[in-house]
Amino acid sequence: METPMVAYELPGTTDMIKQEVLLTMDDYFRGSSISSLIAHWWRSMVDLIADPRAKQLPFMDNPLPTLGMIMIYLFWVLLIGPMYMRDRKPMDLRRVIIFYNLFQVLLSGYMFYEHLMAGWLRGYSLTCQTVDYSDSPQSRRMFNLCYVYYLSKLSEFADTVFFVLRKKQSQITDLHVYHHSLTPIEAWILTKFIAGGNATLPNVINNFVHVLMYFYYMLSAMGPRYQKYLWWKKYMTEVQIIQFIICIAHCINALVTGCPFPRFISTLLLINASIFLALFMNFYIESYKRKPRAVATGASAKPTITENTVATVATVATVATSGVQELPMVDTDERDTKDAATSRDTPAGHRSSPAEGDDINNNRPVMAVDGKQEEQPEEWQELKKDTPAGDGMLEHQQQQQQNEHDESSELEITKLESTRLESTLRQRIVSKGEGLEGLQVEEVRTTASTVLSTVAAP
C-alpha cells in the first residue's frame, strides 16, 4: 500500500506558511488594499495546503459560491419566504415531502456505507488518522465521498423551504437555521483541504443519524395511520446528543496526544461539536424533561359557555386552516355598550342580589317570580302570626321554593345562551374551514362539539 502523503507534514510547509503571512503583513504596511491582500493570501494558502483534486470541481475553486448560497438561503427563509406566504394558504406538499425524505434516507445510507468502505472499516485509526492526499483508489474514493457529502448539505436547504411554504414557522428554530447555515461551509472546507482522516469520523455518525431522522420525517408525513410507529422521537434526539459527545472526545484525544492531524481543524471541530451539544441539550430538556406548570383550579369550579369559549374553539378551526395560531380578540367597545344599555334599562330601585326578596317599603316578605316582586299569600302571614314555629317553617318553605326557581331559571338561561353561542361558533367554523379537506373539517367540528359538550354539561 502506498505511503500516505500528508500535506501538513511536508518539509518546510509550516515555514512557508509563516513566510507568506509575513509577506502579506509587509504588503499591508506598504499601502496595499485589503482586497488585494486577501486575494494574494488566499492564492498562497490554496497553493500550499489545498487538495489539488478539488480545484476542478463545481463550487470548489473558492468559498464565494457556497457563501452566496447560504446568504440566499437565509434571506429567503427569514424574510422573503414569510412575506410571500403571509396572505396565502399553506401549500399541500405531503407527497413531495415523502419522496424528498425517502431520497435523503437512501442518500444518507449510501454515504454511511461509503465512509465505512473508504476508510473506517479499511484501516482507519479511531484515535489518530491523517489525511491521504495520494491518488490511490481508496484515497480517491474518500475524496469523492466528501464532495457528495458537501452537495448533500446544500440539498438539505429544502428542509427549511418546506417549513416556510407550509407556514410551519414554529419549526424554524435558531438551532435549525444555525445547523443548516453552518454545515455547508464545513463540508466545503472538508473537501477543499482535508478530504479524509479524523475529520470524517463526525460524518460517519452524522450519516447514521440522518438515516433515522429522515425515516422518521417520512413516516410522519405519511399520515395519522403511521403515528403509532413514531414513539422513538425522544431516543433519536438522545442519539444526536451521543454523536456530539463522541466527536468532542475524539477531538480532545487528537489535541492531547499530539496527533499529526492539523490542530487548527481539530480545535474548530471541538468548538463546533460543543456548540451543537449545548443547543441539543437545551432542546432535549425543554422538550422532554421540563414539567409543564400546574394550573391551579378550584375543585367546585364549573365551566361556563362564554364568548371567550367560542373564540377559543374557533381558534381550533383557524389553526387547522392556516397552520398559524391566531389570538382571539375581544371587542371591548361592544361589551361596554351592552353593559351601559343594561344599566339604562334596569329600574333604579331594582337590585339583582339575594336581598331582592325583601320589600323595602314595608315589612311584608315577598317572592321573586319571573323577575317581578310578588307578595306572599295572606294565609302565610296569618300562619306566621298564630304559630310559634311558623317563622322557621315559613322561611324554610320560602327558601326551598326560591332555590328551585333559581335553578330552573339558570337552566333556561344556560340553554338559551348555549344555543346562541353554538350557532355563532358553527358559523365561524364554516367560514374558517373554507379550503380545508373534508377530513380536516370533520376533525375541527368534532373538536368543537367536544368542547361545547364539556362546558355546557350541568
Protein backbone atom coordinates (compact mmCIF):
# COMPACT_ATOMS: atom_id res chain seq x y z
CA MET A 1 0.00 0.00 0.00
CA GLU A 2 1.27 3.45 -0.86
CA THR A 3 2.57 5.63 1.94
CA PRO A 4 0.01 8.38 2.61
CA MET A 5 1.20 11.85 1.76
CA VAL A 6 0.14 14.34 4.43
CA ALA A 7 0.35 17.95 3.31
CA TYR A 8 0.80 19.24 6.84
CA GLU A 9 3.88 17.08 7.34
CA LEU A 10 5.70 18.12 4.18
CA PRO A 11 9.14 19.54 4.95
CA GLY A 12 9.08 23.29 5.20
CA THR A 13 5.29 23.65 4.83
CA THR A 14 4.91 25.40 8.18
CA ASP A 15 7.82 27.72 7.43
CA MET A 16 6.34 28.59 4.04
CA ILE A 17 3.00 29.46 5.64
CA LYS A 18 4.72 31.73 8.16
CA GLN A 19 6.68 33.37 5.37
CA GLU A 20 3.52 34.08 3.38
CA VAL A 21 1.87 35.62 6.43
CA LEU A 22 4.87 37.89 6.96
CA LEU A 23 4.90 38.92 3.30
CA THR A 24 1.19 39.71 3.46
CA MET A 25 1.70 41.90 6.54
CA ASP A 26 4.59 43.67 4.83
CA ASP A 27 2.41 44.42 1.78
CA TYR A 28 -0.27 45.79 4.10
CA PHE A 29 2.11 48.28 5.72
CA ARG A 30 3.27 49.36 2.29
CA GLY A 31 -0.25 50.53 1.48
CA SER A 32 -1.78 47.63 -0.46
CA SER A 33 -5.57 47.40 -0.41
CA ILE A 34 -7.31 44.93 1.86
CA SER A 35 -8.98 43.12 -1.03
CA SER A 36 -5.71 42.57 -2.88
CA LEU A 37 -4.04 41.32 0.29
CA ILE A 38 -6.84 38.82 0.92
CA ALA A 39 -6.72 37.59 -2.68
CA HIS A 40 -2.92 37.18 -2.55
CA TRP A 41 -3.05 35.39 0.80
CA TRP A 42 -5.84 33.09 -0.35
CA ARG A 43 -3.96 32.06 -3.51
CA SER A 44 -0.88 31.35 -1.43
CA MET A 45 -2.77 29.20 1.07
CA VAL A 46 -4.51 27.29 -1.72
CA ASP A 47 -1.21 26.53 -3.42
CA LEU A 48 0.33 25.37 -0.14
CA ILE A 49 -2.31 23.29 1.63
CA ALA A 50 -5.39 22.80 -0.59
CA ASP A 51 -6.15 19.44 -2.15
CA PRO A 52 -5.36 19.78 -5.87
CA ARG A 53 -8.05 17.25 -6.74
CA ALA A 54 -10.75 19.72 -5.64
CA LYS A 55 -9.78 22.57 -7.93
CA GLN A 56 -11.77 21.43 -10.98
CA LEU A 57 -14.98 20.50 -9.14
CA PRO A 58 -18.02 22.84 -9.21
CA PHE A 59 -18.13 25.35 -6.32
CA MET A 60 -14.68 24.21 -5.10
CA ASP A 61 -12.39 26.89 -6.53
CA ASN A 62 -13.22 29.38 -3.77
CA PRO A 63 -15.79 29.68 -0.98
CA LEU A 64 -17.75 32.56 -2.50
CA PRO A 65 -20.38 30.41 -4.31
CA THR A 66 -21.07 28.46 -1.12
CA LEU A 67 -21.27 31.61 0.99
CA GLY A 68 -23.58 33.17 -1.61
CA MET A 69 -25.95 30.18 -1.47
CA ILE A 70 -26.01 30.36 2.33
CA MET A 71 -26.87 34.07 2.21
CA ILE A 72 -29.67 33.46 -0.30
CA TYR A 73 -30.98 30.64 1.90
CA LEU A 74 -31.05 32.87 5.00
CA PHE A 75 -32.54 35.81 3.14
CA TRP A 76 -35.35 33.67 1.71
CA VAL A 77 -36.33 31.62 4.78
CA LEU A 78 -36.17 34.54 7.21
CA LEU A 79 -37.56 37.39 5.09
CA ILE A 80 -38.76 36.76 1.55
CA GLY A 81 -40.47 33.41 2.16
CA PRO A 82 -42.59 34.50 5.16
CA MET A 83 -43.58 37.70 3.33
CA TYR A 84 -44.59 35.70 0.24
CA MET A 85 -46.69 33.24 2.28
CA ARG A 86 -48.21 35.79 4.66
CA ASP A 87 -51.53 36.15 2.78
CA ARG A 88 -51.51 32.70 1.19
CA LYS A 89 -52.77 29.33 2.38
CA PRO A 90 -50.21 26.69 3.39
CA MET A 91 -49.14 24.55 0.46
CA ASP A 92 -50.01 20.87 0.40
CA LEU A 93 -46.57 19.30 -0.08
CA ARG A 94 -47.14 15.97 1.62
CA ARG A 95 -46.36 13.84 -1.43
CA VAL A 96 -43.28 15.91 -2.28
CA ILE A 97 -42.04 15.68 1.31
CA ILE A 98 -42.48 11.91 1.41
CA PHE A 99 -40.32 11.41 -1.70
CA TYR A 100 -37.77 14.01 -0.51
CA ASN A 101 -37.33 12.24 2.82
CA LEU A 102 -37.05 8.88 1.06
CA PHE A 103 -34.30 10.35 -1.13
CA GLN A 104 -32.44 11.64 1.94
CA VAL A 105 -32.74 8.24 3.66
CA LEU A 106 -31.21 6.48 0.65
CA LEU A 107 -28.50 9.13 0.19
CA SER A 108 -27.52 9.08 3.88
CA GLY A 109 -27.45 5.28 3.86
CA TYR A 110 -25.19 5.31 0.80
CA MET A 111 -22.78 7.81 2.37
CA PHE A 112 -22.69 5.84 5.64
CA TYR A 113 -21.72 2.69 3.73
CA GLU A 114 -19.10 4.54 1.66
CA HIS A 115 -17.48 6.09 4.74
CA LEU A 116 -17.03 2.62 6.18
CA MET A 117 -15.74 1.08 2.94
CA ALA A 118 -13.47 4.02 2.05
CA GLY A 119 -11.59 4.03 5.33
CA TRP A 120 -13.24 3.39 8.66
CA LEU A 121 -13.51 -0.35 8.10
CA ARG A 122 -10.42 -0.46 5.88
CA GLY A 123 -7.58 0.50 8.18
CA TYR A 124 -8.51 3.93 9.59
CA SER A 125 -7.42 4.52 13.18
CA LEU A 126 -10.10 5.62 15.66
CA THR A 127 -7.56 7.56 17.73
CA CYS A 128 -5.48 9.35 15.08
CA GLN A 129 -5.91 9.27 11.31
CA THR A 130 -4.08 11.65 8.98
CA VAL A 131 -5.21 12.72 5.51
CA ASP A 132 -4.14 10.72 2.48
CA TYR A 133 -3.61 13.12 -0.44
CA SER A 134 -2.34 10.47 -2.82
CA ASP A 135 -4.36 9.36 -5.84
CA SER A 136 -4.78 5.78 -4.67
CA PRO A 137 -8.21 4.15 -5.25
CA GLN A 138 -9.10 4.25 -1.55
CA SER A 139 -8.00 7.87 -1.15
CA ARG A 140 -9.91 8.88 -4.29
CA ARG A 141 -12.99 7.07 -3.02
CA MET A 142 -12.90 9.00 0.24
CA PHE A 143 -12.34 12.29 -1.60
CA ASN A 144 -15.31 11.72 -3.92
CA LEU A 145 -17.43 10.83 -0.90
CA CYS A 146 -16.50 14.10 0.83
CA TYR A 147 -17.69 16.03 -2.23
CA VAL A 148 -21.00 14.12 -2.27
CA TYR A 149 -21.33 14.93 1.43
CA TYR A 150 -20.88 18.63 0.61
CA LEU A 151 -23.59 18.51 -2.07
CA SER A 152 -25.94 16.73 0.34
CA LYS A 153 -25.68 19.64 2.75
CA LEU A 154 -26.80 22.01 0.01
CA SER A 155 -29.79 19.78 -0.72
CA GLU A 156 -30.83 19.97 2.95
CA PHE A 157 -31.77 23.62 2.44
CA ALA A 158 -35.09 22.16 1.26
CA ASP A 159 -35.96 21.23 4.86
CA THR A 160 -36.46 24.88 5.79
CA VAL A 161 -38.01 25.80 2.44
CA PHE A 162 -40.76 23.24 3.06
CA PHE A 163 -41.39 24.69 6.52
CA VAL A 164 -41.86 28.15 5.02
CA LEU A 165 -44.17 27.01 2.22
CA ARG A 166 -46.29 25.04 4.70
CA LYS A 167 -46.31 28.02 7.13
CA LYS A 168 -44.68 26.00 9.92
CA GLN A 169 -42.76 28.95 11.33
CA SER A 170 -42.60 27.41 14.81
CA GLN A 171 -40.31 24.68 13.48
CA ILE A 172 -37.76 27.14 12.09
CA THR A 173 -35.81 27.43 15.33
CA ASP A 174 -32.43 29.06 15.92
CA LEU A 175 -30.90 25.59 16.16
CA HIS A 176 -32.39 24.59 12.82
CA VAL A 177 -31.18 27.71 10.98
CA TYR A 178 -27.73 27.60 12.61
CA HIS A 179 -27.26 23.96 11.66
CA HIS A 180 -28.31 24.35 8.02
CA SER A 181 -26.25 27.53 7.59
CA LEU A 182 -23.01 26.18 9.05
CA THR A 183 -22.77 22.63 7.72
CA PRO A 184 -22.34 23.57 4.01
CA ILE A 185 -19.27 25.70 4.70
CA GLU A 186 -17.88 22.98 6.98
CA ALA A 187 -18.34 20.40 4.23
CA TRP A 188 -16.68 22.77 1.74
CA ILE A 189 -13.59 23.13 3.97
CA LEU A 190 -13.53 19.36 4.40
CA THR A 191 -13.49 18.72 0.65
CA LYS A 192 -11.11 21.55 -0.19
CA PHE A 193 -8.42 20.90 2.41
CA ILE A 194 -8.88 17.71 4.50
CA ALA A 195 -10.82 15.13 2.47
CA GLY A 196 -10.22 12.21 4.83
CA GLY A 197 -8.67 11.40 8.18
CA ASN A 198 -10.04 12.44 11.56
CA ALA A 199 -12.43 15.00 10.06
CA THR A 200 -14.61 12.28 8.50
CA LEU A 201 -15.50 10.50 11.76
CA PRO A 202 -18.28 13.02 12.56
CA ASN A 203 -19.60 12.43 9.03
CA VAL A 204 -19.97 8.69 9.60
CA ILE A 205 -22.04 9.22 12.73
CA ASN A 206 -23.99 12.06 11.10
CA ASN A 207 -24.98 9.85 8.15
CA PHE A 208 -26.26 7.16 10.50
CA VAL A 209 -28.30 9.72 12.47
CA HIS A 210 -29.73 11.16 9.25
CA VAL A 211 -30.96 7.76 8.13
CA LEU A 212 -33.02 7.59 11.33
CA MET A 213 -34.08 11.23 11.22
CA TYR A 214 -35.32 11.35 7.63
CA PHE A 215 -37.01 7.97 8.04
CA TYR A 216 -38.90 9.45 10.99
CA TYR A 217 -39.90 12.50 8.92
CA MET A 218 -41.05 10.27 6.07
CA LEU A 219 -43.33 8.25 8.36
CA SER A 220 -44.65 11.45 9.93
CA ALA A 221 -45.56 12.85 6.50
CA MET A 222 -47.42 9.67 5.52
CA GLY A 223 -50.39 10.48 7.75
CA PRO A 224 -52.05 9.65 11.09
CA ARG A 225 -52.14 5.91 10.42
CA TYR A 226 -48.36 5.80 10.97
CA GLN A 227 -48.34 7.84 14.19
CA LYS A 228 -48.11 4.68 16.29
CA TYR A 229 -44.69 3.98 14.76
CA LEU A 230 -43.22 7.35 15.85
CA TRP A 231 -42.73 6.60 19.56
CA TRP A 232 -38.93 6.79 19.25
CA LYS A 233 -38.54 10.52 18.57
CA LYS A 234 -37.11 11.12 22.04
CA TYR A 235 -34.47 8.43 21.55
CA MET A 236 -33.46 9.91 18.21
CA THR A 237 -32.58 13.17 19.97
CA GLU A 238 -30.57 11.19 22.53
CA VAL A 239 -28.61 9.55 19.70
CA GLN A 240 -27.79 13.00 18.32
CA ILE A 241 -26.51 14.09 21.73
CA ILE A 242 -24.33 10.97 21.96
CA GLN A 243 -22.99 11.84 18.50
CA PHE A 244 -21.60 15.18 19.67
CA ILE A 245 -20.18 13.68 22.86
CA ILE A 246 -18.20 11.18 20.76
CA CYS A 247 -16.97 13.96 18.46
CA ILE A 248 -15.83 16.08 21.42
CA ALA A 249 -13.94 13.16 22.96
CA HIS A 250 -12.32 12.36 19.60
CA CYS A 251 -11.11 15.95 19.09
CA ILE A 252 -9.78 16.23 22.65
CA ASN A 253 -7.86 12.99 22.20
CA ALA A 254 -6.28 14.28 18.97
CA LEU A 255 -5.22 17.54 20.63
CA VAL A 256 -3.87 15.93 23.80
CA THR A 257 -1.95 13.06 22.18
CA GLY A 258 -0.25 15.26 19.57
CA CYS A 259 -1.86 13.59 16.56
CA PRO A 260 -0.31 14.94 13.30
CA PHE A 261 -3.78 15.92 12.09
CA PRO A 262 -3.89 19.77 11.86
CA ARG A 263 -4.55 21.16 15.34
CA PHE A 264 -6.39 24.17 13.97
CA ILE A 265 -9.00 21.94 12.33
CA SER A 266 -9.28 19.77 15.44
CA THR A 267 -9.91 22.89 17.52
CA LEU A 268 -12.63 24.12 15.15
CA LEU A 269 -14.31 20.71 15.20
CA LEU A 270 -14.18 20.71 19.01
CA ILE A 271 -15.78 24.16 19.27
CA ASN A 272 -18.48 23.29 16.74
CA ALA A 273 -19.36 19.99 18.44
CA SER A 274 -19.54 21.73 21.83
CA ILE A 275 -21.94 24.37 20.48
CA PHE A 276 -24.20 21.73 18.97
CA LEU A 277 -24.11 19.69 22.17
CA ALA A 278 -25.27 22.70 24.20
CA LEU A 279 -28.05 23.50 21.71
CA PHE A 280 -29.33 19.93 21.53
CA MET A 281 -29.16 19.50 25.30
CA ASN A 282 -31.26 22.64 25.73
CA PHE A 283 -33.76 21.35 23.16
CA TYR A 284 -33.92 17.97 24.90
CA ILE A 285 -34.51 19.49 28.33
CA GLU A 286 -37.18 21.87 27.05
CA SER A 287 -38.97 19.14 25.11
CA TYR A 288 -38.79 16.08 27.36
CA LYS A 289 -37.56 16.89 30.87
CA ARG A 290 -39.13 20.17 31.95
CA LYS A 291 -42.53 19.52 33.51
CA PRO A 292 -45.41 21.79 32.49
CA ARG A 293 -46.51 24.24 35.13
CA ALA A 294 -49.53 23.09 37.07
CA VAL A 295 -52.57 25.31 36.71
CA ALA A 296 -54.44 25.80 39.97
CA THR A 297 -58.18 25.36 39.54
CA GLY A 298 -60.98 25.32 42.07
CA ALA A 299 -62.47 21.91 42.86
CA SER A 300 -66.01 23.20 42.58
CA ALA A 301 -65.39 25.43 39.59
CA LYS A 302 -67.82 24.74 36.77
CA PRO A 303 -67.01 25.68 33.17
CA THR A 304 -69.41 28.10 31.56
CA ILE A 305 -70.06 28.99 27.96
CA THR A 306 -68.89 32.49 27.16
CA GLU A 307 -67.75 34.49 24.17
CA ASN A 308 -64.16 33.59 25.12
CA THR A 309 -65.07 29.90 24.88
CA VAL A 310 -66.41 30.44 21.38
CA ALA A 311 -63.28 32.38 20.40
CA THR A 312 -61.07 29.64 21.81
CA VAL A 313 -62.83 26.85 19.91
CA ALA A 314 -62.92 28.97 16.77
CA THR A 315 -59.16 29.27 17.11
CA VAL A 316 -59.01 25.48 16.61
CA ALA A 317 -60.51 25.95 13.18
CA THR A 318 -58.07 28.78 12.45
CA VAL A 319 -55.06 26.68 13.42
CA ALA A 320 -56.21 23.80 11.23
CA THR A 321 -56.74 26.15 8.32
CA SER A 322 -53.59 28.27 8.34
CA GLY A 323 -51.09 26.42 10.48
CA VAL A 324 -50.54 29.60 12.49
CA GLN A 325 -52.45 30.24 15.67
CA GLU A 326 -54.44 33.46 15.81
CA LEU A 327 -55.25 35.08 19.13
CA PRO A 328 -58.95 35.79 19.73
CA MET A 329 -59.77 39.49 20.02
CA VAL A 330 -62.37 40.80 22.47
CA ASP A 331 -64.48 43.71 21.27
CA THR A 332 -64.37 45.80 24.44
CA ASP A 333 -66.35 48.65 22.91
CA GLU A 334 -69.28 46.36 22.11
CA ARG A 335 -69.15 44.82 25.58
CA ASP A 336 -69.11 48.24 27.28
CA THR A 337 -72.03 49.42 25.10
CA LYS A 338 -74.12 46.40 26.13
CA ASP A 339 -73.31 46.98 29.81
CA ALA A 340 -74.34 50.63 29.56
CA ALA A 341 -77.62 49.72 27.82
CA THR A 342 -78.38 47.19 30.52
CA SER A 343 -77.79 49.82 33.20
CA ARG A 344 -80.15 52.25 31.47
CA ASP A 345 -82.95 49.68 31.12
CA THR A 346 -82.73 48.49 34.74
CA PRO A 347 -85.08 50.31 37.22
CA ALA A 348 -83.23 52.37 39.79
CA GLY A 349 -84.80 50.56 42.72
CA HIS A 350 -84.12 47.07 41.39
CA ARG A 351 -81.27 45.06 42.94
CA SER A 352 -80.18 41.71 41.43
CA SER A 353 -78.93 40.24 44.67
CA PRO A 354 -80.07 37.73 47.30
CA ALA A 355 -81.65 40.62 49.20
CA GLU A 356 -84.13 41.08 46.38
CA GLY A 357 -86.77 39.17 48.30
CA ASP A 358 -87.06 41.95 50.92
CA ASP A 359 -89.61 44.69 50.38
CA ILE A 360 -88.03 47.97 51.40
CA ASN A 361 -91.40 49.75 51.69
CA ASN A 362 -92.93 47.51 54.41
CA ASN A 363 -92.10 44.51 56.48
CA ARG A 364 -94.10 42.00 54.47
CA PRO A 365 -91.96 39.29 52.85
CA VAL A 366 -92.11 38.98 49.07
CA MET A 367 -91.09 36.37 46.48
CA ALA A 368 -89.37 36.98 43.18
CA VAL A 369 -91.35 35.37 40.35
CA ASP A 370 -90.08 35.69 36.79
CA GLY A 371 -88.08 38.72 37.70
CA LYS A 372 -91.01 40.53 39.40
CA GLN A 373 -91.69 41.02 43.09
CA GLU A 374 -94.89 39.40 44.33
CA GLU A 375 -96.35 39.47 47.82
CA GLN A 376 -96.86 36.22 49.66
CA PRO A 377 -100.44 35.00 50.33
CA GLU A 378 -102.29 36.27 53.37
CA GLU A 379 -102.55 32.70 54.73
CA TRP A 380 -98.77 32.63 55.15
CA GLN A 381 -98.93 35.87 57.08
CA GLU A 382 -101.59 34.51 59.44
CA LEU A 383 -99.67 31.25 59.85
CA LYS A 384 -96.63 33.23 60.83
CA LYS A 385 -98.60 35.19 63.44
CA ASP A 386 -100.51 32.28 65.03
CA THR A 387 -97.89 29.52 65.01
CA PRO A 388 -94.84 29.85 67.25
CA ALA A 389 -92.84 27.66 64.89
CA GLY A 390 -94.38 29.32 61.89
CA ASP A 391 -91.40 31.59 61.35
CA GLY A 392 -88.98 28.69 60.85
CA MET A 393 -91.32 26.63 58.66
CA LEU A 394 -92.30 29.63 56.58
CA GLU A 395 -88.70 30.64 55.99
CA HIS A 396 -87.74 27.04 55.09
CA GLN A 397 -90.57 26.72 52.55
CA GLN A 398 -89.77 30.12 51.12
CA GLN A 399 -86.05 29.31 50.77
CA GLN A 400 -86.79 25.93 49.15
CA GLN A 401 -89.16 27.50 46.64
CA GLN A 402 -86.64 30.25 45.90
CA ASN A 403 -83.83 27.71 45.27
CA GLU A 404 -85.99 25.63 42.93
CA HIS A 405 -86.97 28.72 40.98
CA ASP A 406 -83.38 29.95 40.72
CA GLU A 407 -82.17 26.58 39.43
CA SER A 408 -84.87 26.38 36.76
CA SER A 409 -84.22 29.97 35.68
CA GLU A 410 -80.47 29.38 35.49
CA LEU A 411 -81.01 26.21 33.44
CA GLU A 412 -83.25 28.02 30.97
CA ILE A 413 -80.72 30.85 30.60
CA THR A 414 -77.87 28.39 30.10
CA LYS A 415 -79.77 26.51 27.39
CA LEU A 416 -80.61 29.72 25.53
CA GLU A 417 -77.04 31.00 25.81
CA SER A 418 -75.63 27.64 24.72
CA THR A 419 -77.89 27.54 21.66
CA ARG A 420 -76.99 31.06 20.63
CA LEU A 421 -73.24 30.65 21.08
CA GLU A 422 -73.20 27.23 19.44
CA SER A 423 -74.85 28.77 16.37
CA THR A 424 -72.25 31.55 16.35
CA LEU A 425 -69.45 29.01 16.70
CA ARG A 426 -70.67 26.86 13.82
CA GLN A 427 -70.81 29.92 11.57
CA ARG A 428 -67.22 30.78 12.49
CA ILE A 429 -66.02 27.24 11.87
CA VAL A 430 -67.70 27.15 8.46
CA SER A 431 -66.09 30.47 7.49
CA LYS A 432 -62.68 29.39 8.80
CA GLY A 433 -62.90 25.92 7.25
CA GLU A 434 -63.13 27.07 3.65
CA GLY A 435 -60.43 25.39 1.57
CA LEU A 436 -59.87 22.52 4.01
CA GLU A 437 -60.17 18.91 3.02
CA GLY A 438 -63.25 17.03 4.18
CA LEU A 439 -61.35 15.06 6.81
CA GLN A 440 -59.86 18.23 8.31
CA VAL A 441 -63.26 19.95 8.51
CA GLU A 442 -64.73 16.91 10.25
CA GLU A 443 -61.87 16.91 12.76
CA VAL A 444 -62.46 20.60 13.54
CA ARG A 445 -66.19 20.07 14.04
CA THR A 446 -65.57 17.08 16.28
CA THR A 447 -63.17 19.09 18.43
CA ALA A 448 -65.62 21.99 18.69
CA SER A 449 -68.50 19.70 19.64
CA THR A 450 -66.39 18.08 22.34
CA VAL A 451 -65.51 21.44 23.89
CA LEU A 452 -69.12 22.64 23.76
CA SER A 453 -70.46 19.47 25.34
CA THR A 454 -67.85 19.76 28.11
CA VAL A 455 -68.50 23.37 29.05
CA ALA A 456 -72.29 23.06 28.69
CA ALA A 457 -72.58 19.95 30.84
CA PRO A 458 -74.70 20.59 34.02
